[in-house]
Amino acid sequence: MKIETTRFGELEIDERDIYTFPEGIPGFEQDKRFILIGLEGLDGFACLQCVDRGDLGFIIVDPFVFFPDYEFNLPDAEAKQLGVEKPGDLSVWTIVTIRDRLESATVNLVAPVVLNVRTRFGKQVILVDPNLGTRHPLFRMAKGG
């Protein structure tokens, strides 16, 4: 099928690549179908592009690339909702916020986007963890130089 996007123009996608978010994404509850688009030359980055709204896409990153110590327990209710049978079913991403420049980008570690690569269901999970926040700097700035 073909979709039209603001960032990438017209794309040919396979319907089997679509992730369904039964509840949408917080703030975008009406938008339920998304695809992952890798960003060329940016390892660990992708775009979570809405299939039905070409103007809606989220820059996301693999948090384990940028935060090797990042970990969380997926609550049982969310695991059940996503149809998780084993940890290998899951792909975890975090949404990036870019205000001015990529170098000052932040990520929301308290609300990862969890995708089940087997069932093709997705959900932005809101974690309860005082050690996690919504604006972790994506890049560590060099000190003193």
Protein backbone atom coordinates (compact mmCIF):
# COMPACT_ATOMS: atom_id res chain seq x y z
CA MET A 1 0.00 0.00 0.00
CA LYS A 2 1.11 3.59 -0.53
CA ILE A 3 1.13 6.30 2.11
CA GLU A 4 2.00 9.98 1.83
CA THR A 5 4.21 11.47 4.56
CA THR A 6 5.44 14.97 5.28
CA ARG A 7 9.01 13.86 6.10
CA PHE A 8 9.57 11.05 3.59
CA GLY A 9 7.15 11.79 0.74
CA GLU A 10 5.26 8.87 -0.78
CA LEU A 11 6.20 5.47 0.62
CA GLU A 12 5.30 1.98 -0.45
CA ILE A 13 4.73 -0.10 2.69
CA ASP A 14 3.76 -3.67 3.41
CA GLU A 15 0.63 -3.91 5.54
CA ARG A 16 2.38 -6.64 7.55
CA ASP A 17 4.83 -3.95 8.79
CA ILE A 18 2.08 -1.91 10.46
CA TYR A 19 1.98 -1.79 14.26
CA THR A 20 -1.45 -1.28 15.81
CA PHE A 21 -1.71 0.83 18.95
CA PRO A 22 -5.19 -0.09 20.26
CA GLU A 23 -5.24 2.95 22.57
CA GLY A 24 -3.24 5.22 20.29
CA ILE A 25 -0.34 7.18 21.81
CA PRO A 26 -1.05 9.59 24.70
CA GLY A 27 -2.14 12.86 23.11
CA PHE A 28 -2.82 11.08 19.80
CA GLU A 29 -5.38 8.49 20.90
CA GLN A 30 -7.24 8.57 17.57
CA ASP A 31 -4.12 7.49 15.66
CA LYS A 32 -3.75 3.71 15.84
CA ARG A 33 -1.56 2.52 12.95
CA PHE A 34 2.18 3.20 12.69
CA ILE A 35 5.25 1.90 10.88
CA LEU A 36 8.92 2.06 11.81
CA ILE A 37 11.18 3.81 9.33
CA GLY A 38 14.92 3.55 9.90
CA LEU A 39 16.85 6.80 9.55
CA GLU A 40 19.77 6.33 7.18
CA GLY A 41 23.13 7.17 8.69
CA LEU A 42 21.73 7.49 12.22
CA ASP A 43 22.29 4.22 14.07
CA GLY A 44 19.76 3.65 16.83
CA PHE A 45 17.33 6.24 15.39
CA ALA A 46 14.02 5.63 13.61
CA CYS A 47 10.76 7.37 12.88
CA LEU A 48 7.47 6.03 14.20
CA GLN A 49 5.30 7.21 11.31
CA CYS A 50 1.50 7.27 11.44
CA VAL A 51 0.04 5.40 8.47
CA ASP A 52 -3.18 7.41 8.36
CA ARG A 53 -1.75 10.90 8.97
CA GLY A 54 1.29 11.79 6.92
CA ASP A 55 2.05 14.78 9.13
CA LEU A 56 2.37 12.68 12.31
CA GLY A 57 5.67 11.00 13.03
CA PHE A 58 7.85 10.67 16.11
CA ILE A 59 11.63 10.51 16.09
CA ILE A 60 12.53 7.59 18.34
CA VAL A 61 15.72 5.96 19.54
CA ASP A 62 16.77 2.61 20.89
CA PRO A 63 17.34 3.60 24.54
CA PHE A 64 19.82 0.79 25.12
CA VAL A 65 22.21 2.32 22.57
CA PHE A 66 22.32 5.65 24.42
CA PHE A 67 21.61 4.48 27.98
CA PRO A 68 23.22 1.03 28.44
CA ASP A 69 22.01 0.85 32.07
CA TYR A 70 18.37 1.56 31.15
CA GLU A 71 16.02 -1.12 32.38
CA PHE A 72 12.43 -1.49 33.50
CA ASN A 73 9.89 -4.17 34.23
CA LEU A 74 6.99 -4.24 31.81
CA PRO A 75 3.84 -4.35 33.95
CA ASP A 76 1.84 -7.58 33.57
CA ALA A 77 -1.25 -5.77 32.26
CA GLU A 78 0.73 -4.18 29.43
CA ALA A 79 2.54 -7.44 28.62
CA LYS A 80 -0.83 -9.18 28.36
CA GLN A 81 -2.30 -6.38 26.25
CA LEU A 82 0.67 -6.60 23.84
CA GLY A 83 0.43 -10.42 23.68
CA VAL A 84 3.97 -10.98 24.95
CA GLU A 85 5.00 -14.61 25.14
CA LYS A 86 8.76 -14.13 25.54
CA PRO A 87 11.17 -11.18 25.94
CA GLY A 88 12.36 -11.64 22.36
CA ASP A 89 8.91 -10.50 21.18
CA LEU A 90 9.68 -6.95 22.26
CA SER A 91 11.36 -3.96 20.70
CA VAL A 92 11.72 -0.91 22.96
CA TRP A 93 12.06 2.70 21.79
CA THR A 94 11.90 6.12 23.41
CA ILE A 95 10.53 9.33 21.93
CA VAL A 96 13.02 12.12 21.22
CA THR A 97 12.28 15.79 21.74
CA ILE A 98 14.36 18.18 19.66
CA ARG A 99 13.88 21.82 20.58
CA ASP A 100 16.62 23.68 18.69
CA ARG A 101 19.41 21.34 17.67
CA LEU A 102 19.89 17.57 17.63
CA GLU A 103 22.81 17.98 20.05
CA SER A 104 20.42 19.24 22.75
CA ALA A 105 17.78 16.55 22.19
CA THR A 106 16.18 14.80 25.15
CA VAL A 107 14.38 11.47 25.52
CA ASN A 108 11.46 10.36 27.60
CA LEU A 109 12.67 7.30 29.53
CA VAL A 110 9.60 7.14 31.75
CA ALA A 111 7.30 6.40 28.81
CA PRO A 112 8.94 3.92 26.40
CA VAL A 113 7.22 2.82 23.22
CA VAL A 114 7.03 -0.97 23.43
CA LEU A 115 6.41 -2.94 20.23
CA ASN A 116 5.62 -6.62 19.97
CA VAL A 117 7.38 -7.64 16.76
CA ARG A 118 5.40 -10.90 16.64
CA THR A 119 1.81 -9.65 17.18
CA ARG A 120 2.46 -6.17 15.70
CA PHE A 121 0.84 -4.44 18.68
CA GLY A 122 2.35 -1.35 20.25
CA LYS A 123 1.86 0.77 23.33
CA GLN A 124 3.50 3.74 24.97
CA VAL A 125 3.89 2.47 28.51
CA ILE A 126 3.91 4.96 31.40
CA LEU A 127 6.27 3.66 34.08
CA VAL A 128 6.24 4.51 37.77
CA ASP A 129 9.93 4.91 38.59
CA PRO A 130 11.34 7.92 40.45
CA ASN A 131 14.76 7.34 38.82
CA LEU A 132 13.41 7.92 35.33
CA GLY A 133 12.39 11.21 33.79
CA THR A 134 10.91 12.73 30.68
CA ARG A 135 13.90 14.87 29.64
CA HIS A 136 17.13 12.89 29.76
CA PRO A 137 19.81 14.45 27.51
CA LEU A 138 20.32 12.14 24.56
CA PHE A 139 23.94 13.13 24.05
CA ARG A 140 26.41 13.65 26.86
CA MET A 141 28.13 16.98 26.39
CA ALA A 142 31.92 17.04 26.64
CA LYS A 143 33.07 18.96 29.69
CA GLY A 144 35.64 21.71 29.68
CA GLY A 145 36.27 21.88 25.99
